[in-house]
């Protein structure tokens, strides 16, 4: 079995910067660095996200909150309400500044028309909401 390769933050940043510069295609960079193109695309996205969220010289530690609420006319939509939110912790483990932990929750309200359809259809369970809890730890 092939062992999984590990890359330093410096190497990831170097490859992501090359991808952002656009002087070579992702396929060329993948061949050059012996990586899958999806890995380079992911590192590039992460670099863009960090550039947008971090000022130069700032500490990577912190807590971020996110949330969203949506409503829609129930007579025209399967989903009439949605609320989601969560929290993101960065730099919580000493000597691992790029690690982050995110916890999110979502609630989706199913419209009364769909709920009524389920009841009329004789389904054993009539939908009226869906919810989820998600956790993600990235290194």
Protein backbone atom coordinates (compact mmCIF):
# COMPACT_ATOMS: atom_id res chain seq x y z
CA UNK A 1 0.00 0.00 0.00
CA UNK A 2 1.24 3.45 -0.87
CA UNK A 3 1.88 5.75 2.09
CA UNK A 4 0.11 9.08 2.10
CA UNK A 5 2.42 12.00 1.42
CA UNK A 6 2.45 14.98 3.77
CA UNK A 7 3.26 18.48 2.62
CA UNK A 8 4.50 21.45 4.59
CA UNK A 9 2.51 24.67 4.73
CA UNK A 10 5.35 26.36 2.84
CA UNK A 11 5.14 23.87 -0.03
CA UNK A 12 1.35 24.20 -0.23
CA UNK A 13 1.65 28.00 -0.26
CA UNK A 14 4.33 27.86 -2.99
CA UNK A 15 2.20 25.65 -5.24
CA UNK A 16 -0.95 27.69 -4.54
CA UNK A 17 0.91 30.89 -5.43
CA UNK A 18 2.09 29.35 -8.70
CA UNK A 19 -1.53 28.40 -9.46
CA UNK A 20 -2.73 31.92 -8.63
CA UNK A 21 -0.09 33.52 -10.86
CA UNK A 22 -1.52 31.68 -13.85
CA UNK A 23 1.76 31.30 -15.73
CA UNK A 24 1.19 27.53 -15.94
CA UNK A 25 -2.02 25.52 -16.11
CA UNK A 26 -3.16 23.39 -13.18
CA UNK A 27 -2.33 20.29 -15.24
CA UNK A 28 1.22 21.54 -15.84
CA UNK A 29 1.68 22.28 -12.15
CA UNK A 30 0.30 18.85 -11.23
CA UNK A 31 2.80 17.15 -13.50
CA UNK A 32 5.66 19.33 -12.32
CA UNK A 33 4.99 18.73 -8.61
CA UNK A 34 3.67 15.14 -9.00
CA UNK A 35 0.26 16.05 -7.53
CA UNK A 36 -3.32 15.46 -8.54
CA UNK A 37 -4.84 18.59 -10.14
CA UNK A 38 -7.68 18.56 -7.58
CA UNK A 39 -5.15 18.95 -4.77
CA UNK A 40 -3.69 22.07 -6.39
CA UNK A 41 -7.17 23.48 -6.98
CA UNK A 42 -8.04 22.89 -3.31
CA UNK A 43 -4.81 24.55 -2.10
CA UNK A 44 -5.49 27.51 -4.39
CA UNK A 45 -9.01 27.91 -2.96
CA UNK A 46 -7.66 27.70 0.59
CA UNK A 47 -5.05 30.35 -0.20
CA UNK A 48 -7.70 32.68 -1.62
CA UNK A 49 -9.83 32.15 1.47
CA UNK A 50 -6.95 32.92 3.79
CA UNK A 51 -6.01 36.01 1.81
CA UNK A 52 -9.56 37.27 2.07
CA UNK A 53 -9.92 36.53 5.78
CA UNK A 54 -6.51 37.42 7.18
CA UNK A 55 -4.61 40.67 7.19
CA UNK A 56 -0.84 40.36 6.71
CA UNK A 57 0.95 39.85 10.00
CA UNK A 58 -2.24 39.03 11.92
CA UNK A 59 -2.52 36.06 14.23
CA UNK A 60 -4.33 33.06 12.78
CA UNK A 61 -6.12 32.32 16.05
CA UNK A 62 -9.74 33.27 16.32
CA UNK A 63 -13.39 32.43 16.35
CA UNK A 64 -15.71 33.10 13.47
CA UNK A 65 -19.49 32.98 13.40
CA UNK A 66 -21.74 32.53 10.42
CA UNK A 67 -25.47 32.44 9.93
CA UNK A 68 -28.23 32.75 7.37
CA UNK A 69 -32.02 32.90 7.42
CA UNK A 70 -34.27 32.47 4.39
CA UNK A 71 -37.98 32.46 3.78
CA UNK A 72 -39.95 31.62 0.63
CA UNK A 73 -43.63 31.55 -0.34
CA UNK A 74 -44.88 28.10 0.77
CA UNK A 75 -47.40 27.79 -2.06
CA UNK A 76 -44.60 27.96 -4.65
CA UNK A 77 -41.72 26.11 -2.96
CA UNK A 78 -41.02 22.74 -1.40
CA UNK A 79 -39.01 24.49 1.32
CA UNK A 80 -40.56 27.53 2.96
CA UNK A 81 -37.88 28.37 5.53
CA UNK A 82 -34.23 27.76 6.23
CA UNK A 83 -31.94 28.79 9.04
CA UNK A 84 -28.35 27.75 9.44
CA UNK A 85 -25.37 28.88 11.42
CA UNK A 86 -22.25 27.83 13.14
CA UNK A 87 -18.92 28.65 14.60
CA UNK A 88 -15.36 28.19 13.32
CA UNK A 89 -12.33 27.98 15.62
CA UNK A 90 -8.88 28.57 14.10
CA UNK A 91 -5.47 28.05 15.66
CA UNK A 92 -6.81 26.22 18.71
CA UNK A 93 -4.05 23.60 18.84
CA UNK A 94 -0.57 24.85 19.81
CA UNK A 95 2.02 24.52 17.03
CA UNK A 96 -0.75 23.83 14.45
CA UNK A 97 -1.90 27.28 13.29
CA UNK A 98 -3.60 25.98 10.14
CA UNK A 99 -5.93 23.58 11.96
CA UNK A 100 -9.54 24.61 12.34
CA UNK A 101 -12.71 23.18 13.81
CA UNK A 102 -16.13 24.12 12.46
CA UNK A 103 -19.51 23.19 13.89
CA UNK A 104 -22.67 24.01 12.00
CA UNK A 105 -26.40 23.45 12.31
CA UNK A 106 -29.16 23.81 9.74
CA UNK A 107 -32.96 23.68 9.93
CA UNK A 108 -35.14 23.46 6.83
CA UNK A 109 -38.90 23.91 7.10
CA UNK A 110 -40.88 21.83 4.60
CA UNK A 111 -43.91 23.68 3.19
CA UNK A 112 -47.43 22.77 4.30
CA UNK A 113 -48.28 21.70 0.74
CA UNK A 114 -45.55 19.04 0.79
CA UNK A 115 -46.55 17.98 4.30
CA UNK A 116 -50.18 17.68 3.15
CA UNK A 117 -49.11 15.69 0.09
CA UNK A 118 -47.25 13.25 2.34
CA UNK A 119 -50.34 12.83 4.53
CA UNK A 120 -52.64 12.35 1.54
CA UNK A 121 -50.25 9.79 0.01
CA UNK A 122 -50.43 7.63 3.10
CA UNK A 123 -46.71 7.80 3.78
CA UNK A 124 -45.74 6.44 7.22
CA UNK A 125 -43.90 9.69 8.01
CA UNK A 126 -45.07 13.10 6.80
CA UNK A 127 -42.20 15.51 6.34
CA UNK A 128 -42.40 18.89 8.04
CA UNK A 129 -38.73 19.72 8.64
CA UNK A 130 -35.19 18.49 8.17
CA UNK A 131 -32.21 19.36 10.29
CA UNK A 132 -28.55 18.57 10.42
CA UNK A 133 -25.51 18.98 12.61
CA UNK A 134 -22.14 19.07 10.90
CA UNK A 135 -18.63 19.11 12.28
CA UNK A 136 -15.43 19.48 10.32
CA UNK A 137 -11.82 19.44 11.46
CA UNK A 138 -9.26 20.51 8.86
CA UNK A 139 -5.49 20.29 9.09
